[in-house]
Amino acid sequence: MHPPETGIILASASPRREELLRKVVKSFRIVPSRVDESLIGETDPVHFAETAAALKAEDVGGRYPDAIVLAADTIVCLGDRIFGKPRDREDAAATL
């Protein structure tokens, strides 16, 4: 099923973001972005998250220009070091 051209779209496949948005919005569609975050050259954590969220919104918004698109990004960092998404649970545990 394709999302409508109008309405609210969550540009994320995150179950947590879906759960949060359902608390405040009755109806929306989920359309994950196709952004490859590994290609984002930002090294500052705040700029990285802002850039990633903007790129996600632009990607999905470009496909559905009449919709309201909500995009966000979450990163884990220690100081200025950005940790990428873990490959699996073992990788996440090793990082922590």
Protein backbone atom coordinates (compact mmCIF):
# COMPACT_ATOMS: atom_id res chain seq x y z
CA MET A 1 0.00 0.00 0.00
CA HIS A 2 1.35 3.43 -0.93
CA PRO A 3 0.97 6.38 1.41
CA PRO A 4 -1.35 9.16 0.35
CA GLU A 5 0.08 12.25 -1.30
CA THR A 6 -1.30 14.34 1.56
CA GLY A 7 -1.51 13.88 5.30
CA ILE A 8 1.23 13.19 7.80
CA ILE A 9 4.13 10.89 7.02
CA LEU A 10 6.70 9.65 9.50
CA ALA A 11 9.99 9.32 7.61
CA SER A 12 11.26 6.53 9.83
CA ALA A 13 11.02 2.80 10.40
CA SER A 14 11.75 3.26 14.12
CA PRO A 15 9.16 1.51 16.30
CA ARG A 16 9.91 4.00 19.10
CA ARG A 17 9.24 7.03 16.88
CA GLU A 18 6.01 5.41 15.69
CA GLU A 19 4.97 4.79 19.30
CA LEU A 20 5.71 8.39 20.28
CA LEU A 21 3.88 9.89 17.32
CA ARG A 22 0.79 7.70 17.94
CA LYS A 23 0.47 9.43 21.32
CA VAL A 24 -0.20 12.78 19.64
CA VAL A 25 -1.47 12.06 16.11
CA LYS A 26 -4.43 9.86 15.21
CA SER A 27 -3.53 9.00 11.65
CA PHE A 28 -0.24 8.93 9.77
CA ARG A 29 1.70 6.76 7.38
CA ILE A 30 5.22 5.43 7.69
CA VAL A 31 7.64 5.88 4.78
CA PRO A 32 11.25 5.18 5.73
CA SER A 33 13.81 7.37 4.01
CA ARG A 34 16.41 5.98 1.64
CA VAL A 35 19.22 8.12 3.08
CA ASP A 36 22.56 6.38 3.57
CA GLU A 37 23.82 7.96 6.79
CA SER A 38 27.31 6.58 6.23
CA LEU A 39 27.69 9.15 3.43
CA ILE A 40 27.09 12.13 5.72
CA GLY A 41 30.41 13.88 6.19
CA GLU A 42 29.55 15.82 9.34
CA THR A 43 31.79 15.11 12.31
CA ASP A 44 30.08 17.36 14.84
CA PRO A 45 27.36 15.29 16.56
CA VAL A 46 24.72 18.03 16.54
CA HIS A 47 25.35 18.93 12.90
CA PHE A 48 25.33 15.25 11.97
CA ALA A 49 21.91 14.68 13.55
CA GLU A 50 20.50 17.88 12.03
CA THR A 51 21.84 17.00 8.58
CA ALA A 52 20.58 13.42 8.75
CA ALA A 53 17.09 14.53 9.78
CA ALA A 54 16.96 17.18 7.05
CA LEU A 55 18.11 14.71 4.38
CA LYS A 56 15.49 12.19 5.50
CA ALA A 57 12.74 14.83 5.34
CA GLU A 58 13.92 15.97 1.90
CA ASP A 59 14.01 12.40 0.60
CA VAL A 60 10.51 11.48 1.70
CA GLY A 61 9.12 14.97 1.11
CA GLY A 62 10.39 14.86 -2.46
CA ARG A 63 8.34 11.74 -3.06
CA TYR A 64 5.24 13.14 -1.31
CA PRO A 65 5.39 16.93 -1.80
CA ASP A 66 1.87 17.60 -0.52
CA ALA A 67 2.33 15.71 2.76
CA ILE A 68 3.56 16.89 6.12
CA VAL A 69 6.76 14.93 6.68
CA LEU A 70 8.21 14.34 10.12
CA ALA A 71 11.84 13.19 10.20
CA ALA A 72 14.33 12.88 13.04
CA ASP A 73 17.67 11.34 13.81
CA THR A 74 19.14 9.89 16.96
CA ILE A 75 22.84 9.36 17.46
CA VAL A 76 24.99 8.05 20.25
CA CYS A 77 28.14 9.99 20.98
CA LEU A 78 30.76 10.43 23.67
CA GLY A 79 32.17 13.92 23.50
CA ASP A 80 32.62 14.55 19.80
CA ARG A 81 32.90 10.88 18.87
CA ILE A 82 29.85 9.61 17.00
CA PHE A 83 29.09 5.91 17.32
CA GLY A 84 27.40 4.41 14.28
CA LYS A 85 24.43 2.10 14.40
CA PRO A 86 25.44 -1.29 15.76
CA ARG A 87 25.34 -4.24 13.37
CA ASP A 88 23.67 -6.46 15.97
CA ARG A 89 23.22 -6.93 19.73
CA GLU A 90 26.79 -8.16 20.17
CA ASP A 91 28.18 -5.10 18.41
CA ALA A 92 25.98 -2.85 20.58
CA ALA A 93 27.21 -4.57 23.76
CA ALA A 94 30.84 -4.26 22.63
CA THR A 95 30.38 -0.56 21.95
CA LEU A 96 28.87 0.04 25.37
